[in-house]
Amino acid sequence: MSNIQISEYKEFITKIKEKARQAQIKASVRVNSTLLEFYWELGADIVEKQKIASWGSGFLKQMSDDLIREFPEVKGFSLSNIQYIRRWVLFYTKSGTTCATFKEENSELLFSVPWGHNRVIISKCNESKEALYYASQTLRYGWSRTILIHQIESRLYEREGKALTNFSHTLPPAQSDLANQVLKDPYNFDFLTMTKDFKERELETALLENITKFLLELGSGFAFIGRQKHIQVGEHDFYIDLLFYHTQMHCYVVIELKTVDFQPEFAGKLNFYIKAVDMQIKSDRDEPTIGILLCKGKDKTLVEYSLSDIHKPMGVSAYELTQVLPDELKSSLPSLEEIEAELEKG
């Protein structure tokens, strides 16, 4: 750096140090939001300075060293963290939005989500709309960083609200909007290991053996009631694959699993089950029961035709299985009982 550049840099770093001191004072009252607001301003200052100053590639390393020397107890001034701070600001302003404008429009969201979550979001998302979606969901549901990573990697943003439903004409507007948000398409069951020609009961069993991951994939609010739920209509016995209660929608949710592509008769059977739950299980305090058909695949037009004259609320979604074993391996894999027997021998 020349003498003029060194002078400019010293003036700049002095201002940054003063802002850091002010942030430290406020942090005792509002730790997370104040720290993140300081990070945003720091990132904005860095981006702006790099546009007009020729300080070279070592600028951020020099800044990190100076700030650590001045504030040795602060962990956030490492070179990698400063690089993330700069990247954070650039990520949200790459479309041309100014730092000040974006901060004004999104400050509550930007500065309420923990910094570690923010780092994950900008590392794994492609554009700001997607990133803000995950930030809002983190704030709404209190996701841990592990769950946040899972939701991003499972493409929740792309799948939420994408199921084909008849909710718009079978539910009141507020309930319809919420129900549509709850359903996804496709559902991702990549935590299962199934044989190629698995049966519906095998899929049901596998999902319940992985109930924690299954509930995570279904989304917030689902409470498991039972499998093969028995209902009697007239002199006939019927069994619902899976029955849940949704704590936010305040309604029962009937889930039917199909190992084949959607067929029109599936909607009629689910309609019957929803009616039975409404008549036999639902109370006056509950909202109308909804149904979800989870099929191996679906034809959009066929689903729309099938749901158009159904008067009970239901949606149809596909599911994805990525861990499918060839059938011939099924017999070669040891059963749980065989594994336990071998362990006992040891």
Protein backbone atom coordinates (compact mmCIF):
# COMPACT_ATOMS: atom_id res chain seq x y z
CA MET A 1 0.00 0.00 0.00
CA SER A 2 1.11 3.58 -0.63
CA ASN A 3 1.21 6.16 2.19
CA ILE A 4 -2.17 7.54 1.08
CA GLN A 5 -3.66 4.05 0.98
CA ILE A 6 -2.23 3.28 4.42
CA SER A 7 -3.78 6.49 5.77
CA GLU A 8 -7.15 5.63 4.25
CA TYR A 9 -6.96 2.15 5.66
CA LYS A 10 -6.07 3.37 9.17
CA GLU A 11 -9.02 5.77 9.11
CA PHE A 12 -11.28 2.96 7.90
CA ILE A 13 -10.13 0.45 10.54
CA THR A 14 -10.52 3.08 13.27
CA LYS A 15 -14.17 3.52 12.35
CA ILE A 16 -14.69 -0.25 12.31
CA LYS A 17 -13.15 -0.55 15.77
CA GLU A 18 -15.48 2.14 17.09
CA LYS A 19 -18.51 0.37 15.63
CA ALA A 20 -17.32 -2.88 17.22
CA ARG A 21 -17.09 -1.21 20.63
CA GLN A 22 -20.61 0.18 20.25
CA ALA A 23 -21.88 -3.24 19.22
CA GLN A 24 -20.25 -4.84 22.27
CA ILE A 25 -22.09 -2.47 24.58
CA LYS A 26 -25.46 -3.15 22.94
CA ALA A 27 -24.83 -6.88 22.75
CA SER A 28 -25.39 -7.31 26.47
CA VAL A 29 -29.04 -6.43 25.82
CA ARG A 30 -29.71 -7.91 22.37
CA VAL A 31 -26.90 -10.35 21.65
CA ASN A 32 -27.86 -11.99 18.38
CA SER A 33 -29.65 -9.20 16.52
CA THR A 34 -27.12 -6.55 17.50
CA LEU A 35 -24.19 -8.73 16.50
CA LEU A 36 -25.78 -9.57 13.15
CA GLU A 37 -26.62 -5.93 12.47
CA PHE A 38 -22.99 -5.10 13.12
CA TYR A 39 -21.92 -7.92 10.79
CA TRP A 40 -24.21 -6.56 8.08
CA GLU A 41 -22.80 -3.05 8.41
CA LEU A 42 -19.27 -4.45 8.46
CA GLY A 43 -19.95 -6.45 5.30
CA ALA A 44 -21.54 -3.44 3.62
CA ASP A 45 -18.51 -1.29 4.53
CA ILE A 46 -16.13 -3.90 3.16
CA VAL A 47 -18.04 -4.28 -0.10
CA GLU A 48 -18.23 -0.53 -0.58
CA LYS A 49 -14.55 0.03 0.22
CA GLN A 50 -13.44 -2.70 -2.15
CA LYS A 51 -15.29 -0.92 -4.95
CA ILE A 52 -13.34 2.31 -4.55
CA ALA A 53 -10.05 1.40 -2.87
CA SER A 54 -7.11 -0.58 -4.26
CA TRP A 55 -5.94 -2.33 -1.14
CA GLY A 56 -5.07 -5.65 -2.74
CA SER A 57 -5.94 -9.24 -1.91
CA GLY A 58 -4.43 -9.09 1.58
CA PHE A 59 -6.95 -6.50 2.78
CA LEU A 60 -9.26 -8.89 4.62
CA LYS A 61 -6.38 -10.75 6.28
CA GLN A 62 -4.92 -7.45 7.49
CA MET A 63 -8.33 -6.37 8.80
CA SER A 64 -8.78 -9.67 10.62
CA ASP A 65 -5.35 -9.38 12.28
CA ASP A 66 -5.98 -5.79 13.38
CA LEU A 67 -9.44 -6.48 14.80
CA ILE A 68 -8.28 -9.61 16.64
CA ARG A 69 -5.40 -7.63 18.13
CA GLU A 70 -7.83 -4.95 19.32
CA PHE A 71 -10.56 -7.37 20.44
CA PRO A 72 -8.78 -10.65 21.37
CA GLU A 73 -11.85 -11.98 23.20
CA VAL A 74 -14.10 -11.69 20.14
CA LYS A 75 -14.28 -14.82 17.96
CA GLY A 76 -16.09 -13.23 15.04
CA PHE A 77 -13.07 -11.47 13.54
CA SER A 78 -11.31 -14.52 12.12
CA LEU A 79 -10.47 -14.29 8.43
CA SER A 80 -12.96 -17.02 7.51
CA ASN A 81 -15.78 -15.30 9.39
CA ILE A 82 -15.03 -11.92 7.84
CA GLN A 83 -15.08 -13.61 4.44
CA TYR A 84 -18.50 -15.06 5.29
CA ILE A 85 -19.74 -11.63 6.41
CA ARG A 86 -18.70 -10.13 3.07
CA ARG A 87 -20.24 -13.08 1.21
CA TRP A 88 -23.49 -12.68 3.22
CA VAL A 89 -23.94 -9.09 2.07
CA LEU A 90 -22.96 -9.85 -1.54
CA PHE A 91 -25.38 -12.80 -1.65
CA TYR A 92 -28.40 -10.67 -0.81
CA THR A 93 -27.39 -7.68 -2.93
CA LYS A 94 -26.14 -9.42 -6.09
CA SER A 95 -29.42 -8.64 -7.88
CA GLY A 96 -28.73 -4.93 -7.60
CA THR A 97 -30.53 -4.18 -4.32
CA THR A 98 -28.55 -1.82 -2.12
CA CYS A 99 -27.35 -2.93 1.30
CA ALA A 100 -29.44 -0.27 3.02
CA THR A 101 -32.62 -1.17 1.13
CA PHE A 102 -32.29 -4.89 1.74
CA LYS A 103 -31.58 -4.30 5.42
CA GLU A 104 -34.62 -2.04 5.78
CA GLU A 105 -36.96 -4.53 4.07
CA ASN A 106 -35.66 -7.69 5.77
CA SER A 107 -34.04 -6.64 9.04
CA GLU A 108 -36.29 -8.70 11.31
CA LEU A 109 -35.55 -11.85 9.36
CA LEU A 110 -31.85 -11.16 8.73
CA PHE A 111 -30.99 -10.36 12.33
CA SER A 112 -33.19 -12.88 14.18
CA VAL A 113 -31.78 -16.09 12.70
CA PRO A 114 -28.52 -17.24 14.38
CA TRP A 115 -25.32 -16.47 12.50
CA GLY A 116 -24.43 -20.15 12.07
CA HIS A 117 -27.79 -20.69 10.37
CA ASN A 118 -27.20 -17.68 8.13
CA ARG A 119 -23.88 -19.13 7.04
CA VAL A 120 -25.54 -22.43 6.15
CA ILE A 121 -28.30 -20.69 4.20
CA ILE A 122 -26.05 -18.60 1.98
CA SER A 123 -23.75 -21.59 1.43
CA LYS A 124 -26.51 -23.91 0.25
CA CYS A 125 -29.09 -21.63 -1.41
CA ASN A 126 -28.91 -20.23 -4.92
CA GLU A 127 -30.92 -17.03 -4.65
CA SER A 128 -32.29 -14.64 -2.04
CA LYS A 129 -35.96 -15.66 -2.27
CA GLU A 130 -35.06 -19.24 -1.42
CA ALA A 131 -32.69 -18.13 1.33
CA LEU A 132 -35.30 -15.89 2.96
CA TYR A 133 -37.79 -18.77 2.85
CA TYR A 134 -35.43 -20.97 4.90
CA ALA A 135 -34.69 -18.09 7.26
CA SER A 136 -38.41 -17.53 7.88
CA GLN A 137 -39.04 -21.26 8.41
CA THR A 138 -36.11 -21.43 10.85
CA LEU A 139 -37.59 -18.54 12.80
CA ARG A 140 -41.10 -19.98 12.69
CA TYR A 141 -40.28 -23.54 13.74
CA GLY A 142 -37.06 -23.08 15.70
CA TRP A 143 -35.05 -25.43 13.49
CA SER A 144 -31.66 -26.53 14.71
CA ARG A 145 -28.79 -26.16 12.26
CA THR A 146 -28.89 -29.90 11.55
CA ILE A 147 -32.58 -29.81 10.66
CA LEU A 148 -32.07 -26.68 8.56
CA ILE A 149 -29.35 -28.45 6.55
CA HIS A 150 -31.64 -31.46 6.07
CA GLN A 151 -34.52 -29.29 4.86
CA ILE A 152 -32.34 -27.45 2.36
CA GLU A 153 -30.69 -30.61 1.05
CA SER A 154 -34.11 -32.28 0.66
CA ARG A 155 -35.27 -29.29 -1.48
CA LEU A 156 -38.17 -28.34 0.82
CA TYR A 157 -38.46 -24.92 -0.86
CA GLU A 158 -39.14 -26.57 -4.21
CA ARG A 159 -41.60 -29.14 -2.83
CA GLU A 160 -43.73 -27.33 -0.27
CA GLY A 161 -47.25 -26.49 -1.42
CA LYS A 162 -46.80 -28.35 -4.72
CA ALA A 163 -49.26 -31.23 -4.14
CA LEU A 164 -52.39 -31.48 -6.29
CA THR A 165 -55.40 -30.86 -4.04
CA ASN A 166 -59.07 -29.88 -4.03
CA PHE A 167 -58.70 -27.77 -0.90
CA SER A 168 -59.77 -24.53 -2.58
CA HIS A 169 -63.36 -25.75 -2.96
CA THR A 170 -63.63 -28.14 0.00
CA LEU A 171 -62.18 -25.99 2.82
CA PRO A 172 -62.67 -22.40 4.06
CA PRO A 173 -60.01 -20.04 2.60
CA ALA A 174 -57.82 -19.80 5.72
CA GLN A 175 -57.86 -23.57 6.26
CA SER A 176 -57.30 -24.19 2.55
CA ASP A 177 -54.21 -21.96 2.45
CA LEU A 178 -52.69 -23.63 5.49
CA ALA A 179 -53.46 -27.13 4.22
CA ASN A 180 -51.88 -26.37 0.85
CA GLN A 181 -48.74 -25.10 2.58
CA VAL A 182 -48.51 -28.27 4.66
CA LEU A 183 -48.50 -30.68 1.71
CA LYS A 184 -45.40 -31.30 -0.40
CA ASP A 185 -44.72 -32.95 -3.72
CA PRO A 186 -42.82 -35.16 -3.94
CA TYR A 187 -42.19 -36.51 -0.45
CA ASN A 188 -38.61 -37.64 0.06
CA PHE A 189 -38.26 -41.03 1.74
CA ASP A 190 -34.57 -41.47 1.00
CA PHE A 191 -34.02 -42.60 4.58
CA LEU A 192 -35.62 -45.96 3.67
CA THR A 193 -33.96 -49.01 2.17
CA MET A 194 -36.58 -50.99 0.27
CA THR A 195 -36.48 -53.89 -2.17
CA LYS A 196 -37.48 -53.15 -5.75
CA ASP A 197 -40.98 -54.68 -5.60
CA PHE A 198 -41.92 -53.62 -2.07
CA LYS A 199 -45.49 -53.99 -0.85
CA GLU A 200 -47.65 -51.27 0.71
CA ARG A 201 -47.48 -52.90 4.15
CA GLU A 202 -43.67 -53.03 3.89
CA LEU A 203 -43.56 -49.32 3.05
CA GLU A 204 -45.88 -48.55 5.95
CA THR A 205 -43.76 -50.61 8.35
CA ALA A 206 -40.53 -49.01 7.15
CA LEU A 207 -41.93 -45.50 7.57
CA LEU A 208 -43.03 -46.21 11.13
CA GLU A 209 -39.69 -47.82 11.97
CA ASN A 210 -38.22 -44.46 10.96
CA ILE A 211 -41.02 -42.43 12.54
CA THR A 212 -38.79 -39.54 13.61
CA LYS A 213 -37.50 -39.00 10.07
CA PHE A 214 -40.98 -39.60 8.65
CA LEU A 215 -42.48 -36.91 10.89
CA LEU A 216 -39.67 -34.54 9.95
CA GLU A 217 -40.45 -35.10 6.27
CA LEU A 218 -44.20 -34.64 6.80
CA GLY A 219 -43.49 -31.30 8.45
CA SER A 220 -44.26 -29.44 11.65
CA GLY A 221 -47.53 -30.16 13.42
CA PHE A 222 -48.12 -33.83 12.60
CA ALA A 223 -48.86 -36.09 15.58
CA PHE A 224 -49.04 -39.83 14.95
CA ILE A 225 -52.30 -41.50 16.03
CA GLY A 226 -52.06 -45.03 14.64
CA ARG A 227 -51.51 -47.45 11.76
CA GLN A 228 -54.13 -49.76 10.27
CA LYS A 229 -56.72 -47.81 12.24
CA HIS A 230 -59.84 -49.94 12.43
CA ILE A 231 -63.21 -48.48 11.49
CA GLN A 232 -66.48 -50.34 11.10
CA VAL A 233 -69.15 -49.21 8.67
CA GLY A 234 -72.28 -51.31 8.71
CA GLU A 235 -71.19 -54.92 8.90
CA HIS A 236 -67.84 -54.27 7.25
CA ASP A 237 -64.38 -53.69 8.71
CA PHE A 238 -61.90 -51.27 7.18
CA TYR A 239 -58.35 -50.29 8.08
CA ILE A 240 -56.80 -46.87 7.46
CA ASP A 241 -53.09 -47.08 6.62
CA LEU A 242 -51.95 -44.15 8.77
CA LEU A 243 -53.88 -41.67 10.89
CA PHE A 244 -52.39 -38.40 12.15
CA TYR A 245 -53.65 -35.29 13.91
CA HIS A 246 -52.35 -31.91 12.80
CA THR A 247 -51.92 -29.58 15.76
CA GLN A 248 -51.90 -26.36 13.73
CA MET A 249 -54.81 -27.17 11.43
CA HIS A 250 -56.68 -28.86 14.31
CA CYS A 251 -57.83 -31.76 12.16
CA TYR A 252 -57.29 -35.44 11.57
CA VAL A 253 -55.18 -36.42 8.56
CA VAL A 254 -55.76 -39.74 6.82
CA ILE A 255 -52.76 -41.00 4.82
CA GLU A 256 -53.08 -43.81 2.32
CA LEU A 257 -49.93 -45.36 0.82
CA LYS A 258 -49.82 -46.76 -2.71
CA THR A 259 -46.89 -48.54 -4.31
CA VAL A 260 -48.23 -47.86 -7.81
CA ASP A 261 -49.11 -44.73 -9.78
CA PHE A 262 -52.31 -42.86 -8.93
CA GLN A 263 -55.58 -44.40 -10.11
CA PRO A 264 -59.02 -42.67 -9.94
CA GLU A 265 -60.48 -45.33 -7.63
CA PHE A 266 -57.91 -44.41 -4.96
CA ALA A 267 -59.64 -41.04 -4.50
CA GLY A 268 -63.00 -42.70 -3.95
CA LYS A 269 -61.63 -45.01 -1.25
CA LEU A 270 -59.85 -42.13 0.51
CA ASN A 271 -63.04 -40.06 0.33
CA PHE A 272 -64.82 -42.92 2.12
CA TYR A 273 -62.16 -43.05 4.86
CA ILE A 274 -62.31 -39.29 5.42
CA LYS A 275 -66.10 -39.51 5.79
CA ALA A 276 -65.75 -42.35 8.30
CA VAL A 277 -63.24 -40.39 10.41
CA ASP A 278 -65.50 -37.33 10.33
CA MET A 279 -68.45 -39.42 11.50
CA GLN A 280 -66.75 -41.67 14.04
CA ILE A 281 -63.60 -39.97 15.39
CA LYS A 282 -63.74 -36.21 14.73
CA SER A 283 -65.25 -34.03 17.47
CA ASP A 284 -67.16 -30.79 17.09
CA ARG A 285 -64.02 -28.87 18.03
CA ASP A 286 -62.01 -30.35 15.17
CA GLU A 287 -61.77 -28.92 11.67
CA PRO A 288 -62.74 -31.14 8.70
CA THR A 289 -60.55 -34.19 8.23
CA ILE A 290 -58.23 -34.10 5.22
CA GLY A 291 -56.72 -36.97 3.27
CA ILE A 292 -53.35 -37.46 1.60
CA LEU A 293 -52.69 -40.07 -1.08
CA LEU A 294 -48.99 -40.90 -1.33
CA CYS A 295 -48.42 -42.68 -4.65
CA LYS A 296 -45.38 -43.92 -6.50
CA GLY A 297 -46.23 -41.49 -9.30
CA LYS A 298 -49.15 -39.55 -10.75
CA ASP A 299 -50.58 -38.10 -13.93
CA LYS A 300 -51.51 -34.47 -13.25
CA THR A 301 -54.58 -34.45 -15.52
CA LEU A 302 -55.85 -37.75 -14.15
CA VAL A 303 -55.57 -36.44 -10.58
CA GLU A 304 -57.32 -33.17 -11.43
CA TYR A 305 -60.23 -35.03 -13.09
CA SER A 306 -60.51 -37.41 -10.14
CA LEU A 307 -60.54 -34.69 -7.47
CA SER A 308 -62.84 -32.25 -9.27
CA ASP A 309 -66.10 -33.80 -7.98
CA ILE A 310 -64.80 -35.12 -4.65
CA HIS A 311 -66.38 -33.19 -1.78
CA LYS A 312 -63.97 -34.17 0.95
CA PRO A 313 -60.61 -32.32 1.17
CA MET A 314 -57.71 -34.36 -0.14
CA GLY A 315 -54.37 -34.03 -1.86
CA VAL A 316 -52.25 -36.33 -3.99
CA SER A 317 -48.45 -36.41 -3.86
CA ALA A 318 -45.73 -38.66 -5.19
CA TYR A 319 -42.86 -39.94 -3.09
CA GLU A 320 -39.22 -40.60 -3.88
CA LEU A 321 -37.15 -43.58 -2.76
CA THR A 322 -33.45 -43.43 -3.54
CA GLN A 323 -32.27 -46.40 -1.51
CA VAL A 324 -33.91 -49.30 -3.36
CA LEU A 325 -32.27 -52.72 -3.27
CA PRO A 326 -32.57 -55.34 -6.03
CA ASP A 327 -35.05 -58.07 -5.13
CA GLU A 328 -32.40 -60.77 -5.34
CA LEU A 329 -30.54 -59.19 -2.41
CA LYS A 330 -33.53 -59.46 -0.11
CA SER A 331 -32.92 -63.12 0.75
CA SER A 332 -29.19 -62.55 1.24
CA LEU A 333 -29.64 -59.78 3.82
CA PRO A 334 -29.76 -61.00 7.45
CA SER A 335 -32.95 -60.36 9.41
CA LEU A 336 -32.99 -58.41 12.67
CA GLU A 337 -33.45 -61.70 14.56
CA GLU A 338 -30.42 -63.23 12.82
CA ILE A 339 -28.28 -60.19 13.65
CA GLU A 340 -29.34 -60.32 17.31
CA ALA A 341 -28.61 -64.06 17.45
CA GLU A 342 -25.10 -63.51 16.10
CA LEU A 343 -24.46 -60.74 18.64
CA GLU A 344 -25.57 -63.03 21.46
CA LYS A 345 -23.08 -65.68 20.30
CA GLY A 346 -20.30 -63.14 20.59
